Structure formats: C-alpha cells, structure tokens
Amino acid sequence: MADQRQRKKELKREARRLRREREAVEWEEHMVLQPGQLKDLLEFLDEQLGVEACDHSLRFTMRWAEAGGVDQDALEESVHHFGGGCDCEVLANVDPQTRVDTWPRYMEFVTSDG
C-alpha cells in the first residue's frame, strides 16, 4: 500500500515536471519579447492600469510596444497566445510568475534583478 502511494507521488511529480518543461518550450516558441522586455511591459501596465481602468483593448500594450520599437502585430499575437486579450489580461495572464514559474529564462532574469 505504501509503495502504491509512493509510486503515485512519483508519477504526479514527474507529470508536473514534464508539464513545466512543455510550458517552458511554449514560452520560448511564442513569446516575442526578451525577459527584460516582458518585465518592463508588465511594470508599465501595472502603472497605467493603476491610474486608468482597462478599456478591454491592448492600447497600453501597443503604446509600450510603439515607444520601444517592438513589432506590434507580433506582440499582439504573442500576448493573445498566452491569454492576453486586453491590457488587464496581459498583466494577469502573461506573467510567467503567475503561471507557476513556467519560463525559466524569465525567472532567472527576475530573480537576478536583470
């Protein structure tokens, strides 16, 4: 009985590890920003949305992209992939830290304070 429980724990742990690996690959394939850029975007959105409510568009995200010379079409496609249909969704959903640390390169950047 104890062996079965231990085996189930091991299988769950392995499943979590594999899921994190798949998600890390997904971030590398679909995120057009570098970790520092994503951190900057999220901080910008946090500031903007603290002053003005989300209007259910990507206006602040696109404003940030334009100011930084980031391809707006590519960024829009990228944030949509991760559940960012508007600025507040980008802030809530397109943050590797809220997705159980699924982008190792970002987590390394954030924990080293870039």
N, C-alpha and C. Protein backbone atom coordinates (compact mmCIF):
# COMPACT_ATOMS: atom_id res chain seq x y z
N MET A 1 0.83 -1.20 0.00
CA MET A 1 0.00 0.00 0.00
C MET A 1 0.87 1.26 0.00
N ALA A 2 1.87 1.29 0.85
CA ALA A 2 2.76 2.44 0.91
C ALA A 2 3.53 2.59 -0.39
N ASP A 3 3.88 1.46 -1.01
CA ASP A 3 4.58 1.50 -2.30
C ASP A 3 3.71 2.14 -3.37
N GLN A 4 2.42 1.82 -3.34
CA GLN A 4 1.50 2.41 -4.32
C GLN A 4 1.40 3.92 -4.13
N ARG A 5 1.29 4.36 -2.91
CA ARG A 5 1.20 5.80 -2.63
C ARG A 5 2.47 6.51 -3.07
N GLN A 6 3.60 5.90 -2.78
CA GLN A 6 4.88 6.48 -3.18
C GLN A 6 4.98 6.56 -4.69
N ARG A 7 4.55 5.51 -5.37
CA ARG A 7 4.58 5.48 -6.83
C ARG A 7 3.67 6.57 -7.41
N LYS A 8 2.48 6.76 -6.83
CA LYS A 8 1.56 7.80 -7.29
C LYS A 8 2.19 9.18 -7.12
N LYS A 9 2.85 9.40 -5.98
CA LYS A 9 3.52 10.68 -5.75
C LYS A 9 4.60 10.92 -6.79
N GLU A 10 5.37 9.88 -7.08
CA GLU A 10 6.43 9.99 -8.08
C GLU A 10 5.86 10.30 -9.46
N LEU A 11 4.77 9.64 -9.81
CA LEU A 11 4.14 9.88 -11.11
C LEU A 11 3.60 11.31 -11.21
N LYS A 12 2.99 11.79 -10.13
CA LYS A 12 2.49 13.17 -10.13
C LYS A 12 3.64 14.16 -10.26
N ARG A 13 4.71 13.92 -9.54
CA ARG A 13 5.88 14.80 -9.60
C ARG A 13 6.46 14.82 -11.02
N GLU A 14 6.54 13.66 -11.63
CA GLU A 14 7.06 13.56 -12.99
C GLU A 14 6.13 14.27 -13.98
N ALA A 15 4.83 14.12 -13.80
CA ALA A 15 3.86 14.79 -14.67
C ALA A 15 4.00 16.31 -14.55
N ARG A 16 4.18 16.83 -13.34
CA ARG A 16 4.39 18.27 -13.14
C ARG A 16 5.67 18.74 -13.81
N ARG A 17 6.72 17.96 -13.67
CA ARG A 17 8.00 18.31 -14.29
C ARG A 17 7.86 18.37 -15.81
N LEU A 18 7.21 17.38 -16.39
CA LEU A 18 7.01 17.35 -17.83
C LEU A 18 6.14 18.51 -18.31
N ARG A 19 5.11 18.84 -17.53
CA ARG A 19 4.25 19.97 -17.89
C ARG A 19 5.04 21.28 -17.87
N ARG A 20 5.87 21.47 -16.85
CA ARG A 20 6.69 22.68 -16.78
C ARG A 20 7.67 22.75 -17.95
N GLU A 21 8.22 21.62 -18.32
CA GLU A 21 9.14 21.59 -19.47
C GLU A 21 8.41 21.97 -20.76
N ARG A 22 7.21 21.42 -20.95
CA ARG A 22 6.42 21.76 -22.15
C ARG A 22 6.06 23.24 -22.16
N GLU A 23 5.68 23.76 -21.01
CA GLU A 23 5.31 25.17 -20.92
C GLU A 23 6.53 26.07 -21.17
N ALA A 24 7.69 25.66 -20.70
CA ALA A 24 8.91 26.44 -20.96
C ALA A 24 9.19 26.49 -22.45
N VAL A 25 9.01 25.39 -23.14
CA VAL A 25 9.20 25.36 -24.58
C VAL A 25 8.18 26.27 -25.26
N GLU A 26 6.95 26.24 -24.77
CA GLU A 26 5.89 27.11 -25.32
C GLU A 26 6.28 28.58 -25.18
N TRP A 27 6.80 28.97 -24.02
CA TRP A 27 7.23 30.36 -23.83
C TRP A 27 8.31 30.72 -24.84
N GLU A 28 9.28 29.85 -25.01
CA GLU A 28 10.37 30.14 -25.95
C GLU A 28 9.86 30.25 -27.38
N GLU A 29 8.88 29.45 -27.73
CA GLU A 29 8.35 29.45 -29.10
C GLU A 29 7.42 30.62 -29.38
N HIS A 30 6.65 31.06 -28.39
CA HIS A 30 5.57 32.01 -28.66
C HIS A 30 5.76 33.39 -28.07
N MET A 31 6.71 33.58 -27.17
CA MET A 31 6.92 34.90 -26.60
C MET A 31 7.93 35.66 -27.45
N VAL A 32 7.51 36.80 -28.00
CA VAL A 32 8.38 37.58 -28.88
C VAL A 32 9.29 38.53 -28.11
N LEU A 33 9.01 38.73 -26.82
CA LEU A 33 9.82 39.63 -26.01
C LEU A 33 10.92 38.86 -25.28
N GLN A 34 11.99 39.56 -25.00
CA GLN A 34 13.02 39.03 -24.13
C GLN A 34 12.53 39.19 -22.69
N PRO A 35 13.08 38.43 -21.75
CA PRO A 35 12.62 38.53 -20.36
C PRO A 35 12.59 39.96 -19.82
N GLY A 36 13.62 40.74 -20.07
CA GLY A 36 13.66 42.11 -19.57
C GLY A 36 12.56 42.97 -20.17
N GLN A 37 12.27 42.74 -21.44
CA GLN A 37 11.19 43.50 -22.09
C GLN A 37 9.84 43.13 -21.48
N LEU A 38 9.62 41.85 -21.25
CA LEU A 38 8.36 41.43 -20.66
C LEU A 38 8.20 42.02 -19.27
N LYS A 39 9.26 42.00 -18.49
CA LYS A 39 9.21 42.59 -17.16
C LYS A 39 8.86 44.08 -17.26
N ASP A 40 9.49 44.79 -18.19
CA ASP A 40 9.21 46.21 -18.38
C ASP A 40 7.76 46.43 -18.80
N LEU A 41 7.27 45.61 -19.72
CA LEU A 41 5.88 45.74 -20.16
C LEU A 41 4.93 45.53 -18.99
N LEU A 42 5.15 44.50 -18.21
CA LEU A 42 4.26 44.22 -17.08
C LEU A 42 4.29 45.35 -16.05
N GLU A 43 5.46 45.90 -15.81
CA GLU A 43 5.55 47.04 -14.88
C GLU A 43 4.83 48.27 -15.45
N PHE A 44 4.98 48.50 -16.75
CA PHE A 44 4.29 49.62 -17.40
C PHE A 44 2.78 49.45 -17.29
N LEU A 45 2.31 48.26 -17.57
CA LEU A 45 0.86 48.00 -17.49
C LEU A 45 0.36 48.17 -16.06
N ASP A 46 1.12 47.70 -15.11
CA ASP A 46 0.72 47.85 -13.71
C ASP A 46 0.57 49.33 -13.35
N GLU A 47 1.52 50.14 -13.79
CA GLU A 47 1.45 51.58 -13.56
C GLU A 47 0.23 52.19 -14.23
N GLN A 48 0.07 51.93 -15.52
CA GLN A 48 -1.01 52.53 -16.30
C GLN A 48 -2.38 52.13 -15.78
N LEU A 49 -2.53 50.86 -15.47
CA LEU A 49 -3.83 50.37 -15.01
C LEU A 49 -4.11 50.77 -13.57
N GLY A 50 -3.10 51.24 -12.88
CA GLY A 50 -3.32 51.81 -11.55
C GLY A 50 -3.88 53.21 -11.61
N VAL A 51 -3.73 53.84 -12.76
CA VAL A 51 -4.21 55.21 -12.96
C VAL A 51 -5.50 55.23 -13.76
N GLU A 52 -5.56 54.37 -14.75
CA GLU A 52 -6.70 54.37 -15.67
C GLU A 52 -7.18 52.93 -15.88
N ALA A 53 -8.48 52.73 -15.84
CA ALA A 53 -9.05 51.38 -15.97
C ALA A 53 -8.82 50.81 -17.37
N CYS A 54 -8.81 49.52 -17.43
CA CYS A 54 -8.69 48.82 -18.71
C CYS A 54 -9.94 49.08 -19.53
N ASP A 55 -9.76 49.37 -20.80
CA ASP A 55 -10.90 49.58 -21.69
C ASP A 55 -11.13 48.36 -22.58
N HIS A 56 -10.56 47.24 -22.17
CA HIS A 56 -10.70 45.95 -22.86
C HIS A 56 -10.06 45.95 -24.24
N SER A 57 -9.00 46.74 -24.37
CA SER A 57 -8.18 46.74 -25.57
C SER A 57 -6.72 46.57 -25.15
N LEU A 58 -5.84 46.58 -26.11
CA LEU A 58 -4.41 46.49 -25.84
C LEU A 58 -3.75 47.86 -26.02
N ARG A 59 -4.47 48.93 -25.72
CA ARG A 59 -3.94 50.27 -26.00
C ARG A 59 -2.64 50.55 -25.25
N PHE A 60 -2.54 50.20 -23.99
CA PHE A 60 -1.30 50.45 -23.25
C PHE A 60 -0.19 49.52 -23.73
N THR A 61 -0.53 48.29 -23.99
CA THR A 61 0.46 47.33 -24.51
C THR A 61 1.02 47.83 -25.83
N MET A 62 0.15 48.30 -26.72
CA MET A 62 0.60 48.78 -28.02
C MET A 62 1.36 50.10 -27.89
N ARG A 63 0.96 50.93 -26.95
CA ARG A 63 1.69 52.19 -26.70
C ARG A 63 3.11 51.86 -26.25
N TRP A 64 3.24 50.89 -25.33
CA TRP A 64 4.55 50.48 -24.86
C TRP A 64 5.37 49.92 -26.02
N ALA A 65 4.76 49.09 -26.86
CA ALA A 65 5.46 48.49 -27.99
C ALA A 65 5.95 49.56 -28.96
N GLU A 66 5.09 50.50 -29.27
CA GLU A 66 5.46 51.56 -30.20
C GLU A 66 6.64 52.37 -29.66
N ALA A 67 6.58 52.73 -28.39
CA ALA A 67 7.65 53.52 -27.77
C ALA A 67 8.97 52.76 -27.76
N GLY A 68 8.89 51.44 -27.66
CA GLY A 68 10.10 50.62 -27.58
C GLY A 68 10.54 50.02 -28.90
N GLY A 69 9.83 50.34 -29.98
CA GLY A 69 10.20 49.79 -31.28
C GLY A 69 9.93 48.31 -31.43
N VAL A 70 8.94 47.81 -30.69
CA VAL A 70 8.58 46.39 -30.75
C VAL A 70 7.49 46.21 -31.81
N ASP A 71 7.60 45.17 -32.61
CA ASP A 71 6.61 44.87 -33.64
C ASP A 71 5.25 44.63 -32.97
N GLN A 72 4.32 45.53 -33.21
CA GLN A 72 3.03 45.47 -32.54
C GLN A 72 2.21 44.26 -32.95
N ASP A 73 2.23 43.91 -34.23
CA ASP A 73 1.47 42.74 -34.68
C ASP A 73 1.99 41.46 -34.04
N ALA A 74 3.31 41.32 -34.00
CA ALA A 74 3.91 40.13 -33.41
C ALA A 74 3.61 40.07 -31.91
N LEU A 75 3.68 41.22 -31.25
CA LEU A 75 3.40 41.25 -29.81
C LEU A 75 1.95 40.92 -29.53
N GLU A 76 1.05 41.47 -30.33
CA GLU A 76 -0.37 41.18 -30.13
C GLU A 76 -0.64 39.68 -30.27
N GLU A 77 -0.08 39.08 -31.29
CA GLU A 77 -0.25 37.64 -31.49
C GLU A 77 0.34 36.86 -30.31
N SER A 78 1.48 37.29 -29.83
CA SER A 78 2.15 36.61 -28.73
C SER A 78 1.32 36.70 -27.45
N VAL A 79 0.88 37.90 -27.08
CA VAL A 79 0.13 38.01 -25.82
C VAL A 79 -1.22 37.31 -25.92
N HIS A 80 -1.83 37.32 -27.11
CA HIS A 80 -3.08 36.57 -27.28
C HIS A 80 -2.86 35.09 -27.02
N HIS A 81 -1.73 34.57 -27.49
CA HIS A 81 -1.43 33.15 -27.29
C HIS A 81 -1.44 32.79 -25.80
N PHE A 82 -0.99 33.71 -24.97
CA PHE A 82 -0.89 33.45 -23.54
C PHE A 82 -2.09 33.97 -22.75
N GLY A 83 -3.15 34.35 -23.44
CA GLY A 83 -4.38 34.76 -22.75
C GLY A 83 -4.50 36.24 -22.50
N GLY A 84 -3.73 37.04 -23.22
CA GLY A 84 -3.80 38.49 -23.05
C GLY A 84 -4.59 39.15 -24.14
N GLY A 85 -5.90 39.21 -23.98
CA GLY A 85 -6.76 39.83 -24.99
C GLY A 85 -6.92 41.32 -24.80
N CYS A 86 -6.56 41.81 -23.61
CA CYS A 86 -6.60 43.24 -23.31
C CYS A 86 -5.49 43.52 -22.30
N ASP A 87 -5.29 44.78 -21.98
CA ASP A 87 -4.19 45.14 -21.09
C ASP A 87 -4.26 44.45 -19.73
N CYS A 88 -5.45 44.42 -19.12
CA CYS A 88 -5.52 43.79 -17.79
C CYS A 88 -5.31 42.28 -17.88
N GLU A 89 -5.69 41.67 -18.99
CA GLU A 89 -5.43 40.24 -19.17
C GLU A 89 -3.96 39.97 -19.42
N VAL A 90 -3.28 40.89 -20.10
CA VAL A 90 -1.83 40.74 -20.27
C VAL A 90 -1.18 40.75 -18.90
N LEU A 91 -1.57 41.71 -18.08
CA LEU A 91 -1.00 41.82 -16.74
C LEU A 91 -1.30 40.59 -15.90
N ALA A 92 -2.51 40.07 -16.01
CA ALA A 92 -2.92 38.92 -15.19
C ALA A 92 -2.43 37.58 -15.73
N ASN A 93 -2.41 37.42 -17.04
CA ASN A 93 -2.17 36.10 -17.63
C ASN A 93 -0.81 35.91 -18.28
N VAL A 94 -0.19 36.99 -18.72
CA VAL A 94 1.06 36.85 -19.49
C VAL A 94 2.24 37.17 -18.57
N ASP A 95 2.26 36.52 -17.45
CA ASP A 95 3.33 36.69 -16.48
C ASP A 95 3.75 35.30 -16.03
N PRO A 96 4.97 34.89 -16.41
CA PRO A 96 5.42 33.55 -16.03
C PRO A 96 5.34 33.27 -14.54
N GLN A 97 5.44 34.30 -13.72
CA GLN A 97 5.37 34.09 -12.27
C GLN A 97 3.97 33.69 -11.83
N THR A 98 2.95 34.11 -12.55
CA THR A 98 1.59 33.71 -12.20
C THR A 98 1.23 32.36 -12.80
N ARG A 99 2.10 31.85 -13.64
CA ARG A 99 1.87 30.55 -14.28
C ARG A 99 2.82 29.50 -13.72
N VAL A 100 3.07 29.56 -12.45
CA VAL A 100 3.91 28.59 -11.74
C VAL A 100 5.32 28.54 -12.34
N ASP A 101 5.88 29.72 -12.53
CA ASP A 101 7.28 29.83 -12.96
C ASP A 101 7.61 28.97 -14.18
N THR A 102 6.83 29.16 -15.23
CA THR A 102 6.96 28.27 -16.38
C THR A 102 7.97 28.73 -17.43
N TRP A 103 8.58 29.88 -17.26
CA TRP A 103 9.58 30.33 -18.23
C TRP A 103 10.89 30.53 -17.49
N PRO A 104 11.72 29.51 -17.43
CA PRO A 104 12.96 29.58 -16.64
C PRO A 104 13.83 30.79 -16.96
N ARG A 105 13.94 31.15 -18.24
CA ARG A 105 14.79 32.29 -18.61
C ARG A 105 14.27 33.59 -17.98
N TYR A 106 12.96 33.73 -17.91
CA TYR A 106 12.36 34.90 -17.28
C TYR A 106 12.61 34.86 -15.77
N MET A 107 12.40 33.71 -15.16
CA MET A 107 12.58 33.59 -13.72
C MET A 107 14.04 33.87 -13.33
N GLU A 108 14.98 33.42 -14.13
CA GLU A 108 16.38 33.72 -13.85
C GLU A 108 16.62 35.21 -13.92
N PHE A 109 16.03 35.87 -14.93
CA PHE A 109 16.20 37.31 -15.08
C PHE A 109 15.61 38.05 -13.89
N VAL A 110 14.39 37.70 -13.51
CA VAL A 110 13.69 38.40 -12.43
C VAL A 110 14.41 38.20 -11.10
N THR A 111 14.85 36.99 -10.83
CA THR A 111 15.49 36.73 -9.53
C THR A 111 16.89 37.31 -9.45
N SER A 112 17.52 37.58 -10.60
CA SER A 112 18.84 38.21 -10.58
C SER A 112 18.73 39.73 -10.69
N ASP A 113 17.47 40.22 -10.77
CA ASP A 113 17.20 41.66 -10.92
C ASP A 113 17.81 42.22 -12.18
N GLY A 114 17.80 41.36 -13.26
CA GLY A 114 18.18 41.76 -14.60
C GLY A 114 19.34 42.61 -14.69
